[in-house]
Structures are given as structure tokens and as C-alpha cells.
Amino acid sequence: MTIGLIGKKMGMSQRFFENGEVAPVTVLKIEKAKVVEIINKEKRGYSGILVGYGHIKNSKLTKQMKGFFSKKSQEPKKILKEFRIENQDQYKPGTEINLNILKDKKFVDVRSKSIGKGFAGSMKRHNFSGLRASHGVSISHRSHGSTGQNQDPGKVFKGKKMAGHMGDKLRTTLGLEIVESDLANNLLYLKGSVPGSKNTYVEIREAVKNKKRETIADRVKKYLSDIQEMKSSKKDKKEAKTKDQPAKKDVKKEDKQTAAKKEDNKKKDTEKK
């Protein structure tokens, strides 16, 4: 398992690129993270690290959590997340974790709570077609219809698609492309949409699936290299032309000189006559 980051969804924007492309972008503000505890295999049966994200006032903590952070001699953190890791040598309590984790990565997986829609009907929640809009239906046009069977089994099975609470569930989006990572302002720009409304906390991890598709950065690089090749080829053509031009100029000068000499000779001949 790889170490992840937690960010706050700031909203959506657009990014314009040199090759003329425009990409819809979700902006995530990455929370400051520190290693709170190192988990030993002898005690728990697995090795890992406990990472704390964000800042919280000491007054908002419970007595148990106050005791926990004071024992570790760490400042209180809003969110605590555990990651299983085999190599623990590079991590110690208090070491910072930031965007450098995703330095060479092109794609990430994102997990957060979707927007809550409240109590929704079957047509909105499960895309049911509903009942007939005109004949034979009285005041139940958007209902889901029958849900059970006869006397046997005489119940509604669990998991039946019916009206109920919609949204507000943890959802994962796989393989989102990293468009830009701003280390100075702790901002991460991802191409496409991220589940959840503004100010929701988003868990970001390295992509599980290997994506072989071409990224925007690759296309921009290709575009810039093509332009440089074009410029270099134009320069070569110009240099070749300039090399040929002086020789032509010399020929013209020689022609002018010979013509001038001929005219002088003619004048001399006429004067002698």
C-alpha cells in the first residue's frame, strides 16, 4: 500500500495550454501532514505508519485524544489515517509528508463522499421509467410499482431497488490525470470531476491501474518539440540561402565591371576617331 494525501476540494476551473487544449480541472488544497506514530509488526501483526492531516483546536478534542497527542508529543491533527508500509526506515514521528510523494506520478485515485441528495424517489435514484402518464394510472405516475411477491415468501428482499436516501456515500474515482502540482501553495490540479461538494475532504493515492494513455503534458511537449524542429529547419534553409547569395552577388559585380570597361573602350575608340 502506498501513502496517500488528504486535500480539501476548492472547486473547479479551466486550464489553457500552449498547444491550444482546454481541460476542466478540479483544484484540491492539500492539508499539511505529519507522521504521528510508527506501527511495529511485533505489536499489531503488521507494519505501517499513522499519519495526521490538518489542524484542529485543542479545545475541540476529547480527553482521550488530548492524552493520545500529549503522549506522542505531537500537535493535534484533524484527521488520522493509517497506511501499511513494509519499509519504515525513511519515516519517523514528526516527518512531514507533502506533494513530493506524487512528484513522478501521472495518475491518481481519488476517494470522497458524494453530494447528499436526501430522500429520493425510484425514478431519480435508480433511473426507473415510472408508470403510465395517462390512462389507467391514478396519482401514482412516479411510483416504482410492486416490490414483493405473494404469500410465499411474503416479504421484500433486502437490496430491493426502492425509494430512499440518495448520495452521501464514499465513492472512488480511478485514474484521474495530474495536470499540475503547485508545491508553493500546496495545490493539486486534477483533470475531470471529483466526487463531493466544495470543502469536502478527499483522499488521494497513487493509481492502482497502470494507465498507458497520453497525458496533456506529453502532448504539450510533443507540440513544443515540433515547433523547435520547424524553427531549426527554417534556420537551416535561411543559412543555405545566405551561403548561395554572396557568390551570385560577385557574379553580378563582375558583369557590371566588364560592362563598364566595354563602355570605356567604346568612348576611347570614338575619341580617337
C-alpha atoms as a PDB file:
ATOM      1  CA  MET A   1       0.000   0.000   0.000  1.00  0.00           C
ATOM      2  CA  THR A   2       1.252   3.481  -0.849  1.00  0.00           C
ATOM      3  CA  ILE A   3       0.989   6.559   1.366  1.00  0.00           C
ATOM      4  CA  GLY A   4      -1.834   8.903   0.437  1.00  0.00           C
ATOM      5  CA  LEU A   5      -2.642  12.564   0.893  1.00  0.00           C
ATOM      6  CA  ILE A   6      -5.787  14.298   2.084  1.00  0.00           C
ATOM      7  CA  GLY A   7      -6.948  17.503   0.427  1.00  0.00           C
ATOM      8  CA  LYS A   8      -9.901  19.844   0.531  1.00  0.00           C
ATOM      9  CA  LYS A   9     -11.924  20.307  -2.652  1.00  0.00           C
ATOM     10  CA  MET A  10     -11.772  24.012  -3.545  1.00  0.00           C
ATOM     11  CA  GLY A  11     -13.892  23.801  -6.700  1.00  0.00           C
ATOM     12  CA  MET A  12     -13.494  23.515 -10.466  1.00  0.00           C
ATOM     13  CA  SER A  13     -11.727  25.665 -13.048  1.00  0.00           C
ATOM     14  CA  GLN A  14     -10.171  25.543 -16.531  1.00  0.00           C
ATOM     15  CA  ARG A  15      -6.579  25.184 -17.677  1.00  0.00           C
ATOM     16  CA  PHE A  16      -5.369  26.510 -21.044  1.00  0.00           C
ATOM     17  CA  PHE A  17      -2.279  25.005 -22.661  1.00  0.00           C
ATOM     18  CA  GLU A  18       0.245  26.132 -25.280  1.00  0.00           C
ATOM     19  CA  ASN A  19      -0.937  23.571 -27.838  1.00  0.00           C
ATOM     20  CA  GLY A  20      -4.472  25.042 -27.771  1.00  0.00           C
ATOM     21  CA  GLU A  21      -6.072  22.451 -25.480  1.00  0.00           C
ATOM     22  CA  VAL A  22      -8.506  23.362 -22.689  1.00  0.00           C
ATOM     23  CA  ALA A  23      -9.029  20.980 -19.762  1.00  0.00           C
ATOM     24  CA  PRO A  24     -11.647  21.021 -16.965  1.00  0.00           C
ATOM     25  CA  VAL A  25      -9.745  20.905 -13.698  1.00  0.00           C
ATOM     26  CA  THR A  26     -10.624  20.199 -10.038  1.00  0.00           C
ATOM     27  CA  VAL A  27      -8.499  22.155  -7.552  1.00  0.00           C
ATOM     28  CA  LEU A  28      -7.522  20.383  -4.314  1.00  0.00           C
ATOM     29  CA  LYS A  29      -5.853  22.128  -1.371  1.00  0.00           C
ATOM     30  CA  ILE A  30      -3.512  19.590   0.232  1.00  0.00           C
ATOM     31  CA  GLU A  31      -3.570  19.535   4.038  1.00  0.00           C
ATOM     32  CA  LYS A  32      -0.276  19.567   5.961  1.00  0.00           C
ATOM     33  CA  ALA A  33       0.547  16.025   7.066  1.00  0.00           C
ATOM     34  CA  LYS A  34       2.897  14.593   9.693  1.00  0.00           C
ATOM     35  CA  VAL A  35       3.733  11.082  10.837  1.00  0.00           C
ATOM     36  CA  VAL A  36       2.179  10.683  14.307  1.00  0.00           C
ATOM     37  CA  GLU A  37       3.125   7.087  15.106  1.00  0.00           C
ATOM     38  CA  ILE A  38       5.100   4.184  13.643  1.00  0.00           C
ATOM     39  CA  ILE A  39       3.287   0.838  13.929  1.00  0.00           C
ATOM     40  CA  ASN A  40       5.510  -2.157  14.672  1.00  0.00           C
ATOM     41  CA  LYS A  41       4.814  -5.647  13.366  1.00  0.00           C
ATOM     42  CA  GLU A  42       5.561  -7.190  16.784  1.00  0.00           C
ATOM     43  CA  LYS A  43       2.713  -5.290  18.492  1.00  0.00           C
ATOM     44  CA  ARG A  44      -0.013  -5.194  15.833  1.00  0.00           C
ATOM     45  CA  GLY A  45       0.903  -8.016  13.449  1.00  0.00           C
ATOM     46  CA  TYR A  46       1.579  -5.601  10.558  1.00  0.00           C
ATOM     47  CA  SER A  47       3.957  -2.702   9.907  1.00  0.00           C
ATOM     48  CA  GLY A  48       2.732   0.756   8.975  1.00  0.00           C
ATOM     49  CA  ILE A  49       2.503   4.432   9.897  1.00  0.00           C
ATOM     50  CA  LEU A  50      -0.202   6.647  11.375  1.00  0.00           C
ATOM     51  CA  VAL A  51      -0.419   9.989   9.567  1.00  0.00           C
ATOM     52  CA  GLY A  52      -2.227  13.097  10.828  1.00  0.00           C
ATOM     53  CA  TYR A  53      -3.702  15.720   8.496  1.00  0.00           C
ATOM     54  CA  GLY A  54      -4.949  19.263   9.048  1.00  0.00           C
ATOM     55  CA  HIS A  55      -5.099  21.409  12.189  1.00  0.00           C
ATOM     56  CA  ILE A  56      -7.670  21.337  14.989  1.00  0.00           C
ATOM     57  CA  LYS A  57      -8.026  23.415  18.156  1.00  0.00           C
ATOM     58  CA  ASN A  58      -7.094  21.709  21.401  1.00  0.00           C
ATOM     59  CA  SER A  59     -10.467  22.693  22.892  1.00  0.00           C
ATOM     60  CA  LYS A  60     -12.322  20.639  20.247  1.00  0.00           C
ATOM     61  CA  LEU A  61     -10.546  17.387  21.167  1.00  0.00           C
ATOM     62  CA  THR A  62     -11.893  14.747  23.539  1.00  0.00           C
ATOM     63  CA  LYS A  63      -9.918  13.932  26.709  1.00  0.00           C
ATOM     64  CA  GLN A  64      -8.805  10.624  25.190  1.00  0.00           C
ATOM     65  CA  MET A  65      -7.385  12.288  22.063  1.00  0.00           C
ATOM     66  CA  LYS A  66      -5.710  15.022  24.153  1.00  0.00           C
ATOM     67  CA  GLY A  67      -3.956  12.288  26.103  1.00  0.00           C
ATOM     68  CA  PHE A  68      -3.008  10.462  22.881  1.00  0.00           C
ATOM     69  CA  PHE A  69      -1.377  13.533  21.274  1.00  0.00           C
ATOM     70  CA  SER A  70       0.333  14.635  24.519  1.00  0.00           C
ATOM     71  CA  LYS A  71       1.829  11.128  24.880  1.00  0.00           C
ATOM     72  CA  LYS A  72       3.202  11.307  21.351  1.00  0.00           C
ATOM     73  CA  SER A  73       4.306  14.934  21.980  1.00  0.00           C
ATOM     74  CA  GLN A  74       2.645  15.936  18.696  1.00  0.00           C
ATOM     75  CA  GLU A  75       0.367  18.831  17.801  1.00  0.00           C
ATOM     76  CA  PRO A  76      -3.297  17.753  17.428  1.00  0.00           C
ATOM     77  CA  LYS A  77      -4.428  16.727  13.950  1.00  0.00           C
ATOM     78  CA  LYS A  78      -7.951  16.822  12.493  1.00  0.00           C
ATOM     79  CA  ILE A  79      -7.809  13.542  10.540  1.00  0.00           C
ATOM     80  CA  LEU A  80      -5.814  10.405  11.358  1.00  0.00           C
ATOM     81  CA  LYS A  81      -5.141   7.814   8.657  1.00  0.00           C
ATOM     82  CA  GLU A  82      -3.237   4.534   8.809  1.00  0.00           C
ATOM     83  CA  PHE A  83      -1.091   3.198   5.954  1.00  0.00           C
ATOM     84  CA  ARG A  84       0.526  -0.235   5.805  1.00  0.00           C
ATOM     85  CA  ILE A  85       4.158   0.019   4.694  1.00  0.00           C
ATOM     86  CA  GLU A  86       6.985  -2.509   4.609  1.00  0.00           C
ATOM     87  CA  ASN A  87       9.912  -0.038   4.638  1.00  0.00           C
ATOM     88  CA  GLN A  88       9.628   2.188   7.721  1.00  0.00           C
ATOM     89  CA  ASP A  89      13.240   3.370   7.815  1.00  0.00           C
ATOM     90  CA  GLN A  90      12.581   6.628   5.936  1.00  0.00           C
ATOM     91  CA  TYR A  91       9.758   7.656   8.313  1.00  0.00           C
ATOM     92  CA  LYS A  92       9.985   8.892  11.899  1.00  0.00           C
ATOM     93  CA  PRO A  93       7.403  10.562  14.182  1.00  0.00           C
ATOM     94  CA  GLY A  94       7.159  14.204  13.102  1.00  0.00           C
ATOM     95  CA  THR A  95       8.367  13.797   9.492  1.00  0.00           C
ATOM     96  CA  GLU A  96       6.353  15.868   7.029  1.00  0.00           C
ATOM     97  CA  ILE A  97       4.519  14.358   4.063  1.00  0.00           C
ATOM     98  CA  ASN A  98       3.653  16.659   1.148  1.00  0.00           C
ATOM     99  CA  LEU A  99       3.069  16.735  -2.624  1.00  0.00           C
ATOM    100  CA  ASN A 100       6.579  15.369  -3.330  1.00  0.00           C
ATOM    101  CA  ILE A 101       5.079  11.878  -2.920  1.00  0.00           C
ATOM    102  CA  LEU A 102       3.303  12.349  -6.274  1.00  0.00           C
ATOM    103  CA  LYS A 103       6.292  14.020  -7.977  1.00  0.00           C
ATOM    104  CA  ASP A 104       6.797  11.490 -10.804  1.00  0.00           C
ATOM    105  CA  LYS A 105       3.213  10.209 -10.902  1.00  0.00           C
ATOM    106  CA  LYS A 106       0.837  10.918 -13.792  1.00  0.00           C
ATOM    107  CA  PHE A 107      -2.425   9.404 -12.482  1.00  0.00           C
ATOM    108  CA  VAL A 108      -4.098   9.169  -9.071  1.00  0.00           C
ATOM    109  CA  ASP A 109      -7.137   7.549  -7.467  1.00  0.00           C
ATOM    110  CA  VAL A 110      -9.494   9.800  -5.513  1.00  0.00           C
ATOM    111  CA  ARG A 111     -11.965   8.840  -2.749  1.00  0.00           C
ATOM    112  CA  SER A 112     -14.525  11.087  -1.079  1.00  0.00           C
ATOM    113  CA  LYS A 113     -18.186  11.378  -0.063  1.00  0.00           C
ATOM    114  CA  SER A 114     -20.619  12.161  -2.848  1.00  0.00           C
ATOM    115  CA  ILE A 115     -23.127  15.039  -2.589  1.00  0.00           C
ATOM    116  CA  GLY A 116     -26.147  14.094  -0.456  1.00  0.00           C
ATOM    117  CA  LYS A 117     -29.496  14.307  -2.279  1.00  0.00           C
ATOM    118  CA  GLY A 118     -31.760  13.428   0.655  1.00  0.00           C
ATOM    119  CA  PHE A 119     -34.758  11.081   0.287  1.00  0.00           C
ATOM    120  CA  ALA A 120     -35.165  10.439  -3.452  1.00  0.00           C
ATOM    121  CA  GLY A 121     -37.764   8.522  -5.445  1.00  0.00           C
ATOM    122  CA  SER A 122     -37.103   5.444  -7.567  1.00  0.00           C
ATOM    123  CA  MET A 123     -37.027   7.421 -10.837  1.00  0.00           C
ATOM    124  CA  LYS A 124     -34.279   9.757  -9.634  1.00  0.00           C
ATOM    125  CA  ARG A 125     -32.408   7.229  -7.518  1.00  0.00           C
ATOM    126  CA  HIS A 126     -32.455   4.154  -9.797  1.00  0.00           C
ATOM    127  CA  ASN A 127     -33.488   5.629 -13.161  1.00  0.00           C
ATOM    128  CA  PHE A 128     -36.855   3.812 -13.213  1.00  0.00           C
ATOM    129  CA  SER A 129     -39.199   4.742 -16.078  1.00  0.00           C
ATOM    130  CA  GLY A 130     -42.236   5.119 -13.783  1.00  0.00           C
ATOM    131  CA  LEU A 131     -45.819   4.158 -14.600  1.00  0.00           C
ATOM    132  CA  ARG A 132     -48.012   5.364 -17.479  1.00  0.00           C
ATOM    133  CA  ALA A 133     -48.591   9.110 -17.693  1.00  0.00           C
ATOM    134  CA  SER A 134     -52.196   8.952 -18.950  1.00  0.00           C
ATOM    135  CA  HIS A 135     -54.725   6.047 -18.953  1.00  0.00           C
ATOM    136  CA  GLY A 136     -55.235   3.543 -16.183  1.00  0.00           C
ATOM    137  CA  VAL A 137     -52.950   5.161 -13.585  1.00  0.00           C
ATOM    138  CA  SER A 138     -54.353   7.266 -10.771  1.00  0.00           C
ATOM    139  CA  ILE A 139     -51.974   9.550  -8.825  1.00  0.00           C
ATOM    140  CA  SER A 140     -49.028   7.107  -8.887  1.00  0.00           C
ATOM    141  CA  HIS A 141     -47.173   8.085 -12.072  1.00  0.00           C
ATOM    142  CA  ARG A 142     -43.716   8.218 -10.485  1.00  0.00           C
ATOM    143  CA  SER A 143     -44.057   5.177  -8.217  1.00  0.00           C
ATOM    144  CA  HIS A 144     -41.809   2.106  -8.560  1.00  0.00           C
ATOM    145  CA  GLY A 145     -44.655  -0.418  -8.772  1.00  0.00           C
ATOM    146  CA  SER A 146     -44.875  -3.728  -6.885  1.00  0.00           C
ATOM    147  CA  THR A 147     -41.975  -4.688  -4.605  1.00  0.00           C
ATOM    148  CA  GLY A 148     -42.932  -8.047  -3.074  1.00  0.00           C
ATOM    149  CA  GLN A 149     -44.399 -11.430  -4.049  1.00  0.00           C
ATOM    150  CA  ASN A 150     -47.389 -13.430  -2.900  1.00  0.00           C
ATOM    151  CA  GLN A 151     -47.986 -15.061   0.494  1.00  0.00           C
ATOM    152  CA  ASP A 152     -44.809 -17.071  -0.037  1.00  0.00           C
ATOM    153  CA  PRO A 153     -42.197 -15.638   0.743  1.00  0.00           C
ATOM    154  CA  GLY A 154     -44.444 -12.727   1.812  1.00  0.00           C
ATOM    155  CA  LYS A 155     -41.637 -10.189   2.255  1.00  0.00           C
ATOM    156  CA  VAL A 156     -39.485  -7.661   0.407  1.00  0.00           C
ATOM    157  CA  PHE A 157     -35.967  -8.949  -0.190  1.00  0.00           C
ATOM    158  CA  LYS A 158     -33.006  -6.956   1.097  1.00  0.00           C
ATOM    159  CA  GLY A 159     -31.328  -4.749  -1.511  1.00  0.00           C
ATOM    160  CA  LYS A 160     -34.532  -4.202  -3.485  1.00  0.00           C
ATOM    161  CA  LYS A 161     -34.309  -1.021  -5.561  1.00  0.00           C
ATOM    162  CA  MET A 162     -36.752   1.362  -3.914  1.00  0.00           C
ATOM    163  CA  ALA A 163     -37.068   4.994  -2.890  1.00  0.00           C
ATOM    164  CA  GLY A 164     -34.643   6.024  -0.144  1.00  0.00           C
ATOM    165  CA  HIS A 165     -31.650   8.086   0.904  1.00  0.00           C
ATOM    166  CA  MET A 166     -29.540   9.051  -2.121  1.00  0.00           C
ATOM    167  CA  GLY A 167     -25.911  10.189  -2.158  1.00  0.00           C
ATOM    168  CA  ASP A 168     -23.646  10.970   0.839  1.00  0.00           C
ATOM    169  CA  LYS A 169     -21.645   7.755   0.262  1.00  0.00           C
ATOM    170  CA  LEU A 170     -17.928   7.124  -0.160  1.00  0.00           C
ATOM    171  CA  ARG A 171     -17.117   6.866  -3.857  1.00  0.00           C
ATOM    172  CA  THR A 172     -13.772   6.251  -5.609  1.00  0.00           C
ATOM    173  CA  THR A 173     -12.772   7.698  -8.981  1.00  0.00           C
ATOM    174  CA  LEU A 174      -9.912   5.805 -10.643  1.00  0.00           C
ATOM    175  CA  GLY A 175      -7.163   7.109 -12.903  1.00  0.00           C
ATOM    176  CA  LEU A 176      -7.542  10.892 -12.733  1.00  0.00           C
ATOM    177  CA  GLU A 177      -4.759  12.718 -14.569  1.00  0.00           C
ATOM    178  CA  ILE A 178      -2.486  15.122 -12.667  1.00  0.00           C
ATOM    179  CA  VAL A 179      -2.443  18.312 -14.721  1.00  0.00           C
ATOM    180  CA  GLU A 180      -0.298  20.407 -12.358  1.00  0.00           C
ATOM    181  CA  SER A 181       1.044  20.299  -8.793  1.00  0.00           C
ATOM    182  CA  ASP A 182       1.806  23.645  -7.111  1.00  0.00           C
ATOM    183  CA  LEU A 183       4.282  22.879  -4.302  1.00  0.00           C
ATOM    184  CA  ALA A 184       4.495  26.503  -3.141  1.00  0.00           C
ATOM    185  CA  ASN A 185       0.729  26.828  -2.480  1.00  0.00           C
ATOM    186  CA  ASN A 186       0.038  23.107  -1.762  1.00  0.00           C
ATOM    187  CA  LEU A 187      -2.435  22.857  -4.664  1.00  0.00           C
ATOM    188  CA  LEU A 188      -3.121  19.846  -6.867  1.00  0.00           C
ATOM    189  CA  TYR A 189      -4.931  20.210 -10.226  1.00  0.00           C
ATOM    190  CA  LEU A 190      -6.694  17.052 -11.441  1.00  0.00           C
ATOM    191  CA  LYS A 191      -8.341  16.660 -14.845  1.00  0.00           C
ATOM    192  CA  GLY A 192     -12.051  15.917 -14.524  1.00  0.00           C
ATOM    193  CA  SER A 193     -14.524  15.815 -11.659  1.00  0.00           C
ATOM    194  CA  VAL A 194     -14.033  14.619  -8.078  1.00  0.00           C
ATOM    195  CA  PRO A 195     -16.988  13.288  -6.029  1.00  0.00           C
ATOM    196  CA  GLY A 196     -18.350  15.602  -3.342  1.00  0.00           C
ATOM    197  CA  SER A 197     -19.243  19.262  -2.901  1.00  0.00           C
ATOM    198  CA  LYS A 198     -16.889  22.157  -2.093  1.00  0.00           C
ATOM    199  CA  ASN A 199     -14.853  21.903   1.142  1.00  0.00           C
ATOM    200  CA  THR A 200     -15.201  18.097   1.303  1.00  0.00           C
ATOM    201  CA  TYR A 201     -12.117  16.130   2.312  1.00  0.00           C
ATOM    202  CA  VAL A 202     -10.665  13.990  -0.478  1.00  0.00           C
ATOM    203  CA  GLU A 203      -8.266  11.062  -0.115  1.00  0.00           C
ATOM    204  CA  ILE A 204      -5.639  10.988  -2.888  1.00  0.00           C
ATOM    205  CA  ARG A 205      -3.491   7.954  -3.678  1.00  0.00           C
ATOM    206  CA  GLU A 206      -1.261   6.654  -6.442  1.00  0.00           C
ATOM    207  CA  ALA A 207      -3.290   4.997  -9.219  1.00  0.00           C
ATOM    208  CA  VAL A 208      -3.826   1.245  -8.796  1.00  0.00           C
ATOM    209  CA  LYS A 209      -4.264   0.601 -12.529  1.00  0.00           C
ATOM    210  CA  ASN A 210      -1.401   1.209 -14.960  1.00  0.00           C
ATOM    211  CA  LYS A 211      -2.562   3.821 -17.444  1.00  0.00           C
ATOM    212  CA  LYS A 212      -0.764   3.918 -20.796  1.00  0.00           C
ATOM    213  CA  ARG A 213      -2.711   6.784 -22.328  1.00  0.00           C
ATOM    214  CA  GLU A 214      -1.004  10.015 -23.393  1.00  0.00           C
ATOM    215  CA  THR A 215      -1.243  12.902 -20.922  1.00  0.00           C
ATOM    216  CA  ILE A 216      -1.706  16.617 -21.663  1.00  0.00           C
ATOM    217  CA  ALA A 217       1.895  17.277 -20.565  1.00  0.00           C
ATOM    218  CA  ASP A 218       3.153  14.736 -23.149  1.00  0.00           C
ATOM    219  CA  ARG A 219       1.094  16.376 -25.912  1.00  0.00           C
ATOM    220  CA  VAL A 220       2.371  19.859 -24.987  1.00  0.00           C
ATOM    221  CA  LYS A 221       5.993  18.588 -25.015  1.00  0.00           C
ATOM    222  CA  LYS A 222       5.420  16.996 -28.424  1.00  0.00           C
ATOM    223  CA  TYR A 223       3.909  20.239 -29.729  1.00  0.00           C
ATOM    224  CA  LEU A 224       6.843  22.358 -28.465  1.00  0.00           C
ATOM    225  CA  SER A 225       9.412  19.929 -29.910  1.00  0.00           C
ATOM    226  CA  ASP A 226       7.642  20.054 -33.306  1.00  0.00           C
ATOM    227  CA  ILE A 227       7.776  23.872 -33.245  1.00  0.00           C
ATOM    228  CA  GLN A 228      11.509  23.803 -32.417  1.00  0.00           C
ATOM    229  CA  GLU A 229      12.128  21.388 -35.292  1.00  0.00           C
ATOM    230  CA  MET A 230      10.232  23.708 -37.649  1.00  0.00           C
ATOM    231  CA  LYS A 231      12.279  26.705 -36.492  1.00  0.00           C
ATOM    232  CA  SER A 232      15.573  24.837 -36.838  1.00  0.00           C
ATOM    233  CA  SER A 233      14.661  23.654 -40.365  1.00  0.00           C
ATOM    234  CA  LYS A 234      13.765  27.250 -41.355  1.00  0.00           C
ATOM    235  CA  LYS A 235      17.107  28.488 -39.969  1.00  0.00           C
ATOM    236  CA  ASP A 236      18.982  25.844 -41.947  1.00  0.00           C
ATOM    237  CA  LYS A 237      17.180  26.891 -45.133  1.00  0.00           C
ATOM    238  CA  LYS A 238      17.991  30.564 -44.496  1.00  0.00           C
ATOM    239  CA  GLU A 239      21.662  29.766 -43.837  1.00  0.00           C
ATOM    240  CA  ALA A 240      21.831  27.753 -47.053  1.00  0.00           C
ATOM    241  CA  LYS A 241      20.316  30.670 -48.989  1.00  0.00           C
ATOM    242  CA  THR A 242      22.746  33.189 -47.458  1.00  0.00           C
ATOM    243  CA  LYS A 243      25.656  30.948 -48.434  1.00  0.00           C
ATOM    244  CA  ASP A 244      24.494  30.876 -52.065  1.00  0.00           C
ATOM    245  CA  GLN A 245      23.704  34.612 -52.286  1.00  0.00           C
ATOM    246  CA  PRO A 246      27.279  36.066 -51.950  1.00  0.00           C
ATOM    247  CA  ALA A 247      28.502  34.034 -54.930  1.00  0.00           C
ATOM    248  CA  LYS A 248      25.641  35.417 -57.027  1.00  0.00           C
ATOM    249  CA  LYS A 249      26.476  38.963 -55.913  1.00  0.00           C
ATOM    250  CA  ASP A 250      30.120  38.525 -57.000  1.00  0.00           C
ATOM    251  CA  VAL A 251      28.975  37.376 -60.432  1.00  0.00           C
ATOM    252  CA  LYS A 252      26.776  40.472 -60.762  1.00  0.00           C
ATOM    253  CA  LYS A 253      29.661  42.743 -59.727  1.00  0.00           C
ATOM    254  CA  GLU A 254      31.928  41.112 -62.311  1.00  0.00           C
ATOM    255  CA  ASP A 255      29.269  41.613 -65.014  1.00  0.00           C
ATOM    256  CA  LYS A 256      28.943  45.303 -64.074  1.00  0.00           C
ATOM    257  CA  GLN A 257      32.721  45.775 -64.142  1.00  0.00           C
ATOM    258  CA  THR A 258      33.036  44.155 -67.585  1.00  0.00           C
ATOM    259  CA  ALA A 259      30.146  46.278 -68.898  1.00  0.00           C
ATOM    260  CA  ALA A 260      31.810  49.453 -67.548  1.00  0.00           C
ATOM    261  CA  LYS A 261      35.122  48.509 -69.194  1.00  0.00           C
ATOM    262  CA  LYS A 262      33.418  47.928 -72.523  1.00  0.00           C
ATOM    263  CA  GLU A 263      31.778  51.359 -72.328  1.00  0.00           C
ATOM    264  CA  ASP A 264      35.120  52.996 -71.544  1.00  0.00           C
ATOM    265  CA  ASN A 265      36.745  51.256 -74.513  1.00  0.00           C
ATOM    266  CA  LYS A 266      33.931  52.434 -76.802  1.00  0.00           C
ATOM    267  CA  LYS A 267      34.361  56.028 -75.613  1.00  0.00           C
ATOM    268  CA  LYS A 268      38.096  55.851 -76.213  1.00  0.00           C
ATOM    269  CA  ASP A 269      37.559  54.493 -79.722  1.00  0.00           C
ATOM    270  CA  THR A 270      35.102  57.278 -80.583  1.00  0.00           C
ATOM    271  CA  GLU A 271      37.529  59.928 -79.248  1.00  0.00           C
ATOM    272  CA  LYS A 272      40.369  58.552 -81.404  1.00  0.00           C
ATOM    273  CA  LYS A 273      38.156  58.681 -84.489  1.00  0.00           C
END
